[in-house]
């Protein structure tokens, strides 16, 4: 068996270290390409009258208690 002595260490990777810079994320980087002003206008728009006049159905007390116990279990 031959024995060899390594005189220089093997280099597997050579990394180049860059100067650290702040990273700024933008919504377009993640595929959420939208207009912020348009979204703001949509959120501030009044709801249609059909959504604001909805009434809740009348529920019998026994039915409610049974559904409530079912929900808790």
Protein backbone atom coordinates (compact mmCIF):
# COMPACT_ATOMS: atom_id res chain seq x y z
CA UNK A 1 0.00 0.00 0.00
CA UNK A 2 1.30 3.42 -0.92
CA UNK A 3 1.11 6.23 1.61
CA UNK A 4 0.98 9.78 0.35
CA UNK A 5 1.28 12.88 2.45
CA UNK A 6 -0.88 15.78 1.34
CA UNK A 7 1.11 18.99 1.41
CA UNK A 8 -1.79 21.32 0.58
CA UNK A 9 -5.35 20.92 1.85
CA UNK A 10 -7.97 20.28 -0.82
CA UNK A 11 -10.36 23.13 -1.55
CA UNK A 12 -13.86 21.96 -2.37
CA UNK A 13 -15.70 25.27 -2.42
CA UNK A 14 -14.64 28.83 -2.93
CA UNK A 15 -17.12 31.33 -1.53
CA UNK A 16 -17.11 34.96 -2.48
CA UNK A 17 -18.39 37.06 0.37
CA UNK A 18 -20.32 40.12 -0.77
CA UNK A 19 -20.79 43.25 1.23
CA UNK A 20 -24.06 42.95 3.19
CA UNK A 21 -26.87 44.99 1.71
CA UNK A 22 -30.37 45.45 3.11
CA UNK A 23 -32.98 43.28 1.42
CA UNK A 24 -36.20 45.01 0.47
CA UNK A 25 -39.13 42.73 -0.34
CA UNK A 26 -41.77 43.90 -2.76
CA UNK A 27 -45.21 42.38 -3.30
CA UNK A 28 -44.30 41.71 -6.91
CA UNK A 29 -41.48 39.44 -5.73
CA UNK A 30 -44.06 36.97 -4.42
CA UNK A 31 -46.48 37.11 -7.33
CA UNK A 32 -48.95 39.48 -5.66
CA UNK A 33 -48.94 42.06 -8.40
CA UNK A 34 -51.80 44.43 -7.50
CA UNK A 35 -52.46 48.11 -7.30
CA UNK A 36 -52.63 49.30 -3.68
CA UNK A 37 -54.76 52.31 -4.55
CA UNK A 38 -57.33 50.14 -6.31
CA UNK A 39 -57.52 47.79 -3.31
CA UNK A 40 -57.97 50.74 -0.96
CA UNK A 41 -60.87 52.08 -3.05
CA UNK A 42 -62.54 48.66 -3.08
CA UNK A 43 -62.24 48.27 0.68
CA UNK A 44 -63.71 51.73 1.31
CA UNK A 45 -66.64 51.21 -1.06
CA UNK A 46 -70.07 50.89 0.61
CA UNK A 47 -71.67 47.46 0.78
CA UNK A 48 -74.60 46.69 -1.49
CA UNK A 49 -78.00 47.16 0.15
CA UNK A 50 -78.80 43.45 -0.19
CA UNK A 51 -75.93 42.57 2.14
CA UNK A 52 -76.77 45.13 4.79
CA UNK A 53 -80.47 44.19 5.11
CA UNK A 54 -79.96 40.49 5.82
CA UNK A 55 -82.06 39.12 8.67
CA UNK A 56 -81.20 36.23 10.92
CA UNK A 57 -83.60 33.29 10.92
CA UNK A 58 -85.76 32.67 13.98
CA UNK A 59 -84.52 29.65 15.93
CA UNK A 60 -86.45 27.79 18.57
CA UNK A 61 -84.72 27.73 21.98
CA UNK A 62 -84.71 23.91 22.11
CA UNK A 63 -83.18 23.66 18.63
CA UNK A 64 -80.54 26.19 19.57
CA UNK A 65 -79.67 24.34 22.78
CA UNK A 66 -79.39 21.05 20.92
CA UNK A 67 -77.15 22.59 18.26
CA UNK A 68 -75.08 24.32 20.92
CA UNK A 69 -74.50 21.05 22.81
CA UNK A 70 -73.58 19.38 19.51
CA UNK A 71 -71.10 22.22 18.86
CA UNK A 72 -69.51 21.83 22.31
CA UNK A 73 -69.06 18.06 22.00
